[in-house]
N, C-alpha and C. Protein backbone atom coordinates (compact mmCIF):
# COMPACT_ATOMS: atom_id res chain seq x y z
N HIS A 1 0.85 -1.17 0.00
CA HIS A 1 0.00 0.00 0.00
C HIS A 1 0.90 1.23 0.00
N GLN A 2 0.46 2.24 -0.72
CA GLN A 2 1.28 3.45 -0.86
C GLN A 2 0.39 4.68 -0.89
N ILE A 3 0.87 5.74 -0.22
CA ILE A 3 0.23 7.05 -0.34
C ILE A 3 1.32 8.03 -0.76
N THR A 4 1.05 8.74 -1.86
CA THR A 4 2.01 9.70 -2.40
C THR A 4 1.42 11.10 -2.28
N LYS A 5 2.24 12.03 -1.79
CA LYS A 5 1.81 13.42 -1.67
C LYS A 5 2.89 14.32 -2.26
N LEU A 6 2.47 15.32 -3.01
CA LEU A 6 3.36 16.32 -3.57
C LEU A 6 2.96 17.66 -2.97
N THR A 7 3.89 18.29 -2.26
CA THR A 7 3.61 19.56 -1.60
C THR A 7 4.75 20.53 -1.86
N ASN A 8 4.58 21.74 -1.37
CA ASN A 8 5.63 22.76 -1.43
C ASN A 8 5.98 23.17 -0.01
N GLN A 9 7.25 23.50 0.20
CA GLN A 9 7.68 23.98 1.51
C GLN A 9 8.52 25.23 1.28
N ASP A 10 8.19 26.28 2.04
CA ASP A 10 8.96 27.52 1.95
C ASP A 10 10.17 27.44 2.87
N ILE A 11 11.32 27.79 2.33
CA ILE A 11 12.56 27.81 3.10
C ILE A 11 13.08 29.23 3.11
N GLU A 12 13.39 29.72 4.29
CA GLU A 12 13.87 31.09 4.43
C GLU A 12 15.37 31.06 4.72
N ASP A 13 16.14 31.68 3.82
CA ASP A 13 17.58 31.79 4.00
C ASP A 13 17.91 33.19 4.50
N GLU A 14 18.82 33.26 5.48
CA GLU A 14 19.24 34.55 6.01
C GLU A 14 20.76 34.66 5.84
N PHE A 15 21.18 35.74 5.20
CA PHE A 15 22.60 35.94 4.91
C PHE A 15 23.15 37.09 5.76
N GLU A 16 24.24 36.82 6.42
CA GLU A 16 24.92 37.83 7.22
C GLU A 16 25.84 38.63 6.29
N PRO A 17 25.90 39.96 6.46
CA PRO A 17 26.78 40.75 5.61
C PRO A 17 28.25 40.52 5.97
N LEU A 18 29.12 40.64 4.95
CA LEU A 18 30.55 40.50 5.18
C LEU A 18 31.16 41.79 5.72
N GLU A 19 30.48 42.90 5.44
CA GLU A 19 30.98 44.20 5.90
C GLU A 19 30.07 44.74 6.99
N GLU A 20 30.67 45.45 7.95
CA GLU A 20 29.89 46.05 9.03
C GLU A 20 28.99 47.16 8.49
N GLY A 21 27.87 47.36 9.18
CA GLY A 21 26.96 48.45 8.81
C GLY A 21 25.91 48.06 7.80
N LEU A 22 26.00 46.87 7.23
CA LEU A 22 24.99 46.42 6.25
C LEU A 22 23.95 45.55 6.96
N ASP A 23 22.74 45.54 6.42
CA ASP A 23 21.65 44.74 6.99
C ASP A 23 21.74 43.29 6.52
N LYS A 24 21.13 42.39 7.32
CA LYS A 24 21.00 40.99 6.91
C LYS A 24 20.06 40.93 5.71
N VAL A 25 20.31 39.98 4.83
CA VAL A 25 19.44 39.78 3.67
C VAL A 25 18.68 38.47 3.88
N THR A 26 17.37 38.54 3.72
CA THR A 26 16.53 37.35 3.87
C THR A 26 15.90 37.02 2.53
N GLN A 27 15.97 35.72 2.17
CA GLN A 27 15.41 35.27 0.90
C GLN A 27 14.55 34.04 1.17
N THR A 28 13.34 34.03 0.61
CA THR A 28 12.44 32.89 0.77
C THR A 28 12.32 32.18 -0.57
N ARG A 29 12.46 30.85 -0.53
CA ARG A 29 12.31 30.06 -1.75
C ARG A 29 11.36 28.90 -1.49
N SER A 30 10.66 28.50 -2.51
CA SER A 30 9.69 27.41 -2.40
C SER A 30 10.30 26.16 -3.02
N VAL A 31 10.29 25.06 -2.27
CA VAL A 31 10.87 23.81 -2.71
C VAL A 31 9.78 22.75 -2.79
N SER A 32 9.77 21.99 -3.90
CA SER A 32 8.81 20.89 -4.04
C SER A 32 9.23 19.73 -3.16
N VAL A 33 8.24 19.09 -2.52
CA VAL A 33 8.50 17.97 -1.63
C VAL A 33 7.64 16.79 -2.08
N LEU A 34 8.27 15.63 -2.27
CA LEU A 34 7.56 14.41 -2.62
C LEU A 34 7.63 13.47 -1.42
N GLU A 35 6.48 13.15 -0.86
CA GLU A 35 6.40 12.27 0.30
C GLU A 35 5.74 10.97 -0.12
N ILE A 36 6.43 9.85 0.13
CA ILE A 36 5.89 8.53 -0.22
C ILE A 36 5.84 7.69 1.05
N LYS A 37 4.64 7.27 1.41
CA LYS A 37 4.45 6.43 2.60
C LYS A 37 4.13 5.01 2.11
N LEU A 38 4.97 4.04 2.52
CA LEU A 38 4.78 2.64 2.16
C LEU A 38 4.38 1.84 3.38
N SER A 39 3.50 0.87 3.18
CA SER A 39 3.06 0.05 4.30
C SER A 39 2.63 -1.32 3.81
N LYS A 40 2.90 -2.34 4.60
CA LYS A 40 2.39 -3.68 4.30
C LYS A 40 0.94 -3.80 4.76
N GLU A 41 0.55 -2.91 5.65
CA GLU A 41 -0.84 -2.87 6.16
C GLU A 41 -1.64 -1.87 5.33
N PRO A 42 -2.95 -2.09 5.18
CA PRO A 42 -3.78 -1.15 4.42
C PRO A 42 -3.71 0.27 5.00
N LEU A 43 -3.70 1.25 4.10
CA LEU A 43 -3.71 2.66 4.47
C LEU A 43 -5.06 3.26 4.13
N ASP A 44 -5.21 4.55 4.31
CA ASP A 44 -6.48 5.25 4.06
C ASP A 44 -6.79 5.27 2.56
N LYS A 45 -7.72 4.43 2.13
CA LYS A 45 -8.06 4.32 0.71
C LYS A 45 -8.76 5.56 0.16
N SER A 46 -9.26 6.43 1.03
CA SER A 46 -9.94 7.63 0.57
C SER A 46 -8.94 8.76 0.25
N ASP A 47 -7.67 8.57 0.60
CA ASP A 47 -6.64 9.57 0.30
C ASP A 47 -6.43 9.65 -1.21
N ASN A 48 -6.32 10.88 -1.76
CA ASN A 48 -6.15 11.06 -3.20
C ASN A 48 -4.90 10.38 -3.74
N GLY A 49 -3.85 10.24 -2.94
CA GLY A 49 -2.61 9.66 -3.41
C GLY A 49 -2.47 8.17 -3.13
N TYR A 50 -3.58 7.50 -2.77
CA TYR A 50 -3.50 6.08 -2.41
C TYR A 50 -3.32 5.21 -3.64
N GLN A 51 -2.41 4.22 -3.53
CA GLN A 51 -2.24 3.20 -4.56
C GLN A 51 -2.23 1.86 -3.85
N GLU A 52 -3.08 0.96 -4.32
CA GLU A 52 -3.10 -0.37 -3.71
C GLU A 52 -2.03 -1.24 -4.36
N PRO A 53 -1.62 -2.30 -3.66
CA PRO A 53 -0.60 -3.19 -4.22
C PRO A 53 -1.11 -3.89 -5.47
N ILE A 54 -0.17 -4.25 -6.37
CA ILE A 54 -0.59 -5.02 -7.54
C ILE A 54 -0.91 -6.45 -7.11
N ASP A 55 -1.66 -7.14 -7.94
CA ASP A 55 -2.06 -8.51 -7.63
C ASP A 55 -0.82 -9.40 -7.53
N GLU A 56 -0.83 -10.30 -6.58
CA GLU A 56 0.29 -11.21 -6.32
C GLU A 56 0.67 -12.00 -7.58
N SER A 57 -0.29 -12.30 -8.44
CA SER A 57 -0.02 -13.09 -9.65
C SER A 57 0.84 -12.32 -10.65
N LEU A 58 0.92 -10.98 -10.53
CA LEU A 58 1.71 -10.16 -11.45
C LEU A 58 3.16 -9.98 -10.97
N VAL A 59 3.47 -10.47 -9.78
CA VAL A 59 4.81 -10.33 -9.21
C VAL A 59 5.66 -11.53 -9.64
N LYS A 60 6.88 -11.26 -10.15
CA LYS A 60 7.76 -12.38 -10.51
C LYS A 60 9.12 -12.18 -9.83
N ASP A 61 9.74 -13.29 -9.48
CA ASP A 61 11.06 -13.26 -8.86
C ASP A 61 12.11 -13.05 -9.94
N VAL A 62 13.13 -12.24 -9.63
CA VAL A 62 14.26 -12.05 -10.54
C VAL A 62 15.54 -12.25 -9.75
N ASP A 63 16.57 -12.72 -10.44
CA ASP A 63 17.85 -12.91 -9.76
C ASP A 63 18.72 -11.67 -9.96
N ASP A 64 19.85 -11.62 -9.25
CA ASP A 64 20.74 -10.45 -9.30
C ASP A 64 21.25 -10.19 -10.72
N GLU A 65 21.53 -11.26 -11.47
CA GLU A 65 22.06 -11.09 -12.83
C GLU A 65 21.04 -10.38 -13.73
N GLU A 66 19.79 -10.76 -13.59
CA GLU A 66 18.74 -10.15 -14.40
C GLU A 66 18.56 -8.66 -14.06
N LEU A 67 18.76 -8.30 -12.79
CA LEU A 67 18.63 -6.91 -12.38
C LEU A 67 19.74 -6.03 -12.94
N THR A 68 20.91 -6.60 -13.20
CA THR A 68 22.04 -5.80 -13.68
C THR A 68 22.13 -5.75 -15.20
N LYS A 69 21.30 -6.50 -15.91
CA LYS A 69 21.32 -6.46 -17.38
C LYS A 69 20.87 -5.09 -17.86
N PRO A 70 21.51 -4.57 -18.94
CA PRO A 70 21.03 -3.30 -19.50
C PRO A 70 19.64 -3.48 -20.09
N ARG A 71 18.80 -2.48 -19.88
CA ARG A 71 17.44 -2.53 -20.41
C ARG A 71 17.18 -1.35 -21.32
N GLY A 72 18.20 -0.96 -22.08
CA GLY A 72 18.10 0.21 -22.95
C GLY A 72 17.12 0.01 -24.08
N ARG A 73 17.01 1.03 -24.90
CA ARG A 73 16.08 1.01 -26.01
C ARG A 73 16.61 0.23 -27.21
N GLY A 74 17.87 -0.13 -27.19
CA GLY A 74 18.45 -0.80 -28.35
C GLY A 74 19.11 0.22 -29.25
N LYS A 75 19.66 -0.26 -30.36
CA LYS A 75 20.42 0.62 -31.24
C LYS A 75 19.53 1.43 -32.18
N GLY A 76 18.45 0.87 -32.62
CA GLY A 76 17.60 1.58 -33.57
C GLY A 76 18.24 1.59 -34.94
N LYS A 77 17.46 1.93 -35.98
CA LYS A 77 18.01 1.82 -37.33
C LYS A 77 18.91 2.99 -37.70
N ASP A 78 18.68 4.19 -37.12
CA ASP A 78 19.51 5.34 -37.49
C ASP A 78 20.56 5.69 -36.46
N LYS A 79 20.64 4.96 -35.40
CA LYS A 79 21.65 5.13 -34.35
C LYS A 79 21.75 6.56 -33.83
N GLY A 80 20.61 7.24 -33.71
CA GLY A 80 20.58 8.56 -33.11
C GLY A 80 21.01 9.70 -34.00
N LYS A 81 21.27 9.44 -35.29
CA LYS A 81 21.69 10.52 -36.19
C LYS A 81 20.49 11.38 -36.57
N GLY A 82 20.70 12.67 -36.65
CA GLY A 82 19.62 13.57 -37.02
C GLY A 82 19.22 13.41 -38.46
N LYS A 83 17.99 13.79 -38.78
CA LYS A 83 17.50 13.71 -40.15
C LYS A 83 17.06 15.08 -40.64
N GLY A 84 17.62 16.14 -40.08
CA GLY A 84 17.21 17.48 -40.45
C GLY A 84 17.63 17.83 -41.89
N LYS A 85 17.17 19.01 -42.36
CA LYS A 85 17.49 19.46 -43.72
C LYS A 85 18.99 19.68 -43.84
N GLY A 86 19.50 19.40 -45.00
CA GLY A 86 20.91 19.67 -45.30
C GLY A 86 21.86 18.63 -44.75
N LYS A 87 21.34 17.52 -44.30
CA LYS A 87 22.23 16.48 -43.77
C LYS A 87 22.28 15.30 -44.71
């Protein structure tokens, strides 16, 4: 079971001046926060970010070798060369 939330958090930075007689500078910035709560026990299904586990029949065991194999897109027929005008 999983609940995912995307929020913003304001962070206030305060900078001390290097020279005497100058005021402190304060800057506020907004940072995106992704919160993921995982549980083996059921969570609040009415939460907008709730995701239930996939069916057990869709889960397959993999060994370490299979996890380290490259899973790229392959070479493709043009090998990434552009096809723009004048080429």
